[in-house]
Amino acid sequence: MANIYKNAGFNLANTNLTTIYTVPTNRTAIVKSIQINNDDSSAIQTEIFFTDSSASQTYKIYHKDLAADTTDNGVVAPLVLESADILKIQVATANKIEGVVSYLEIFDEKSA
């Protein structure tokens, strides 16, 4: 199967820890960027996590008070995720943060 370039948009309607992307079975994903936009007139605390499913462990990879009316990238370098790994985001204010995850899904022939 071919490699697939994709994106996944998100608009956070609440302050819960929210899944924004889960790597499908038999795939590896390389996350190029996580563009986060604060559409509010004040800074909003924003955190991004990833769950390493093979280790059953969740790691915080981004924590910032995102300034008013700004956009930031939640990763500073490509992030490699394996099958079933999960990207999650949590914000302090609902209905103000939106964005897009841009990634490459690679078919894992060894797992198929």
Protein backbone atom coordinates (compact mmCIF):
# COMPACT_ATOMS: atom_id res chain seq x y z
CA MET A 1 0.00 0.00 0.00
CA ALA A 2 1.07 3.58 -0.56
CA ASN A 3 2.13 6.20 1.91
CA ILE A 4 -0.58 8.80 2.49
CA TYR A 5 -0.17 12.50 3.30
CA LYS A 6 -3.07 13.65 5.46
CA ASN A 7 -4.32 16.30 7.85
CA ALA A 8 -6.81 16.28 10.69
CA GLY A 9 -8.48 19.46 11.85
CA PHE A 10 -9.67 20.07 15.40
CA ASN A 11 -11.84 22.65 17.15
CA LEU A 12 -11.88 22.25 20.92
CA ALA A 13 -15.41 22.71 22.25
CA ASN A 14 -14.48 21.90 25.86
CA THR A 15 -11.54 21.81 28.28
CA ASN A 16 -11.33 18.00 28.46
CA LEU A 17 -8.28 16.08 27.32
CA THR A 18 -9.31 15.46 23.70
CA THR A 19 -7.97 12.93 21.19
CA ILE A 20 -7.08 14.66 17.92
CA TYR A 21 -5.43 11.72 16.10
CA THR A 22 -4.91 7.98 16.59
CA VAL A 23 -2.50 6.08 14.35
CA PRO A 24 -4.38 3.33 12.49
CA THR A 25 -3.45 -0.36 12.67
CA ASN A 26 -0.50 -1.37 10.47
CA ARG A 27 0.63 2.24 10.09
CA THR A 28 3.40 4.49 11.35
CA ALA A 29 2.81 8.25 11.28
CA ILE A 30 5.28 11.07 10.97
CA VAL A 31 3.69 14.24 12.34
CA LYS A 32 5.12 17.25 10.51
CA SER A 33 3.22 19.95 12.37
CA ILE A 34 0.44 20.63 14.83
CA GLN A 35 -0.73 24.14 14.02
CA ILE A 36 -2.62 25.63 16.97
CA ASN A 37 -4.58 28.88 16.66
CA ASN A 38 -5.82 30.94 19.61
CA ASP A 39 -8.77 32.99 18.38
CA ASP A 40 -9.33 34.70 21.75
CA SER A 41 -8.32 38.15 23.00
CA SER A 42 -6.33 36.64 25.90
CA ALA A 43 -3.67 33.95 26.33
CA ILE A 44 -4.89 30.37 26.77
CA GLN A 45 -2.95 27.55 28.39
CA THR A 46 -2.53 24.75 25.84
CA GLU A 47 -1.00 21.31 26.34
CA ILE A 48 -0.33 18.50 23.85
CA PHE A 49 0.30 14.89 24.87
CA PHE A 50 1.03 11.67 23.10
CA THR A 51 0.23 8.20 24.38
CA ASP A 52 2.80 5.54 23.53
CA SER A 53 0.48 2.55 23.29
CA SER A 54 3.31 -0.01 23.37
CA ALA A 55 4.51 1.37 26.73
CA SER A 56 1.06 2.35 28.09
CA GLN A 57 2.54 5.75 28.95
CA THR A 58 1.41 9.30 28.16
CA TYR A 59 3.95 12.11 27.66
CA LYS A 60 3.46 15.87 27.60
CA ILE A 61 5.20 17.30 24.52
CA TYR A 62 3.90 20.89 24.55
CA HIS A 63 2.88 23.31 27.29
CA LYS A 64 2.38 26.99 26.60
CA ASP A 65 0.20 29.95 27.38
CA LEU A 66 -0.64 30.60 23.74
CA ALA A 67 -0.79 34.36 23.24
CA ALA A 68 -3.97 36.09 22.07
CA ASP A 69 -4.73 35.95 18.34
CA THR A 70 -1.67 33.86 17.50
CA THR A 71 -0.76 30.57 15.86
CA ASP A 72 2.00 28.24 17.04
CA ASN A 73 3.40 24.86 16.06
CA GLY A 74 3.00 22.18 18.73
CA VAL A 75 6.05 20.20 17.54
CA VAL A 76 9.50 21.61 16.82
CA ALA A 77 10.65 18.58 14.80
CA PRO A 78 8.93 15.63 13.14
CA LEU A 79 7.26 13.32 15.65
CA VAL A 80 7.19 9.58 14.85
CA LEU A 81 4.15 7.69 16.14
CA GLU A 82 3.54 3.96 15.92
CA SER A 83 0.33 2.04 15.36
CA ALA A 84 -2.30 2.85 18.04
CA ASP A 85 -0.33 5.82 19.47
CA ILE A 86 -2.60 8.76 20.26
CA LEU A 87 -2.20 12.56 20.05
CA LYS A 88 -4.25 14.50 22.60
CA ILE A 89 -4.72 18.17 23.41
CA GLN A 90 -6.12 20.03 26.40
CA VAL A 91 -6.87 23.73 26.77
CA ALA A 92 -7.94 25.96 29.63
CA THR A 93 -10.72 27.75 27.70
CA ALA A 94 -13.34 26.08 25.50
CA ASN A 95 -14.33 27.18 21.98
CA LYS A 96 -11.23 29.31 21.35
CA ILE A 97 -8.52 26.91 20.14
CA GLU A 98 -8.53 25.22 16.75
CA GLY A 99 -5.93 23.85 14.41
CA VAL A 100 -4.68 21.09 12.18
CA VAL A 101 -2.33 18.12 12.46
CA SER A 102 -0.33 17.44 9.27
CA TYR A 103 1.17 13.98 8.98
CA LEU A 104 2.38 11.18 6.73
CA GLU A 105 0.96 7.70 7.28
CA ILE A 106 3.31 4.92 6.26
CA PHE A 107 2.01 1.40 5.67
CA ASP A 108 3.84 -1.05 7.93
CA GLU A 109 4.33 -4.12 5.74
CA LYS A 110 5.87 -6.12 8.61
CA SER A 111 2.68 -5.88 10.66
CA ALA A 112 0.24 -6.66 7.85
